Protein backbone atom coordinates (compact mmCIF):
# COMPACT_ATOMS: atom_id res chain seq x y z
CA MET A 1 -1.02 -45.52 31.49
CA ARG A 2 -1.85 -44.05 28.77
CA ALA A 3 1.12 -42.09 26.69
CA THR A 4 -0.14 -38.49 25.65
CA ASN A 5 3.07 -37.47 23.89
CA HIS A 6 3.63 -34.76 26.33
CA VAL A 7 6.96 -34.00 24.52
CA ALA A 8 5.15 -32.48 21.40
CA ARG A 9 2.61 -30.72 22.93
CA ARG A 10 4.89 -28.88 25.12
CA LYS A 11 6.45 -27.94 21.91
CA ARG A 12 3.36 -26.85 20.06
CA LYS A 13 2.32 -24.84 22.96
CA HIS A 14 5.71 -23.44 23.28
CA ARG A 15 5.49 -22.40 19.82
CA ILE A 16 2.65 -21.06 19.48
CA LEU A 17 3.41 -18.75 22.69
CA LYS A 18 6.89 -17.81 21.62
CA GLN A 19 5.18 -16.22 18.30
CA VAL A 20 2.56 -13.74 20.89
CA LYS A 21 5.85 -12.93 22.77
CA GLY A 22 5.17 -9.37 23.54
CA TYR A 23 1.33 -9.77 23.11
CA TYR A 24 -0.39 -7.10 25.99
CA GLY A 25 -2.41 -9.07 29.33
CA ARG A 26 -2.78 -12.69 29.37
CA ARG A 27 -2.65 -13.05 25.32
CA HIS A 28 0.95 -13.52 25.67
CA LEU A 29 0.76 -16.09 28.69
CA LEU A 30 -1.77 -18.01 28.12
CA HIS A 31 -2.41 -20.79 25.08
CA ARG A 32 -6.32 -20.65 24.75
CA ILE A 33 -6.06 -16.99 24.45
CA ALA A 34 -2.67 -16.94 22.56
CA ILE A 35 -4.16 -19.30 19.58
CA GLU A 36 -6.96 -16.25 19.26
CA ALA A 37 -4.88 -13.50 19.01
CA ILE A 38 -2.67 -15.44 16.93
CA HIS A 39 -6.13 -16.02 14.34
CA THR A 40 -6.61 -12.67 15.02
CA ALA A 41 -3.42 -10.83 14.44
CA ASP A 42 -3.26 -13.54 11.40
CA LYS A 43 -6.60 -11.75 9.73
CA ASN A 44 -5.28 -8.30 10.31
CA ALA A 45 -2.04 -8.75 8.84
CA PHE A 46 -3.82 -10.04 6.00
CA SER A 47 -6.12 -7.38 5.63
CA GLY A 48 -3.49 -5.19 6.44
CA ARG A 49 -1.29 -6.41 3.33
CA LYS A 50 -4.37 -5.96 0.77
CA GLN A 51 -4.76 -2.24 2.78
CA ARG A 52 -1.28 -0.99 2.54
CA LYS A 53 -1.56 -1.28 -1.45
CA ARG A 54 -4.60 1.41 -1.23
CA GLN A 55 -3.10 3.71 0.98
CA PHE A 56 -0.09 3.85 -1.21
CA ARG A 57 -2.03 4.43 -4.19
CA ARG A 58 -3.58 7.46 -2.41
CA LEU A 59 -0.63 8.84 -1.26
CA TRP A 60 0.86 9.19 -4.26
CA ILE A 61 -2.00 10.58 -6.14
CA THR A 62 -2.29 13.41 -3.23
CA ARG A 63 1.39 14.12 -3.94
CA ILE A 64 0.56 14.24 -7.72
CA SER A 65 -2.10 16.31 -7.60
CA ALA A 66 -0.47 18.82 -5.16
CA ALA A 67 2.41 18.70 -7.88
CA CYS A 68 0.41 19.43 -10.54
CA ARG A 69 -2.01 21.93 -9.48
CA PRO A 70 0.47 25.01 -9.41
CA LEU A 71 1.87 23.94 -12.96
CA GLY A 72 -2.15 24.92 -13.88
CA ILE A 73 -3.43 21.32 -14.65
CA LEU A 74 -6.00 19.08 -12.28
CA TYR A 75 -5.01 16.12 -11.11
CA SER A 76 -7.86 14.35 -13.20
CA ARG A 77 -6.81 16.25 -16.52
CA LEU A 78 -3.17 15.07 -16.17
CA ILE A 79 -4.25 11.62 -16.25
CA ALA A 80 -6.75 11.78 -19.29
CA GLY A 81 -3.92 14.53 -21.17
CA LEU A 82 -1.20 11.37 -20.18
CA GLU A 83 -3.65 9.11 -22.18
CA LYS A 84 -4.27 10.68 -24.71
CA ALA A 85 -0.98 11.50 -25.27
CA GLY A 86 0.35 7.63 -25.18
CA ILE A 87 2.49 8.65 -22.05
CA VAL A 88 2.18 5.46 -20.09
CA ILE A 89 3.54 5.83 -16.44
CA ASP A 90 2.80 4.63 -13.22
CA ARG A 91 1.34 6.44 -10.01
CA LYS A 92 3.95 5.74 -8.76
CA GLN A 93 6.62 6.66 -10.74
CA LEU A 94 4.78 9.98 -11.29
CA SER A 95 4.74 10.43 -7.80
CA GLU A 96 8.35 9.90 -7.18
CA MET A 97 9.51 12.82 -10.90
CA ALA A 98 6.91 14.46 -8.56
CA THR A 99 8.79 15.13 -5.48
CA ASN A 100 12.83 14.42 -6.99
CA ASP A 101 12.61 15.85 -10.32
CA ALA A 102 10.12 18.86 -10.92
CA ALA A 103 11.77 19.80 -14.53
CA GLY A 104 10.86 16.27 -15.71
CA PHE A 105 7.83 16.22 -14.10
CA ALA A 106 6.95 19.79 -15.36
CA ALA A 107 7.70 18.90 -18.64
CA ILE A 108 5.00 16.18 -18.38
CA CYS A 109 2.59 17.76 -17.38
CA GLU A 110 2.97 20.32 -20.21
CA GLN A 111 2.61 16.99 -22.56
CA ALA A 112 -0.02 15.77 -20.94
CA LYS A 113 -1.71 19.74 -21.51
CA ALA A 114 -1.09 19.96 -25.13
CA ALA A 115 -2.44 16.81 -25.64
CA LEU A 116 -5.24 17.59 -24.48
CA ALA A 117 -5.68 21.15 -26.07
CA THR A 118 -5.27 19.08 -29.63
CA PRO A 119 -9.04 18.20 -30.70
CA ALA A 120 -9.81 14.64 -30.64
CA ALA A 121 -9.42 12.31 -34.05
CA VAL A 122 -12.49 10.88 -35.35
């Protein structure tokens, strides 16, 4: 009789079924369907890590835009003014400043406005 290495096979199946614990329907019960569920989950997790970066950037930009409008400057003009003034600050820090340090954010907005008001050097 042929040996099928049942111990290793059971260990592999157990590892896969442990990964899909809590999945809906047959996805957490049947080995073949569980493998497909794992592949799908891994694929979505990979793309989700990329999407999270995009979504956070959108959130930061929205917060900055909402904070700078009452100060009389649009988001695009603020970014252009910061670039012209030579102020290097990323959107994450700018968003944090807009939500937690209104006075500091207002000062940065004023610097950006002043940089935009000065004529461009040729």
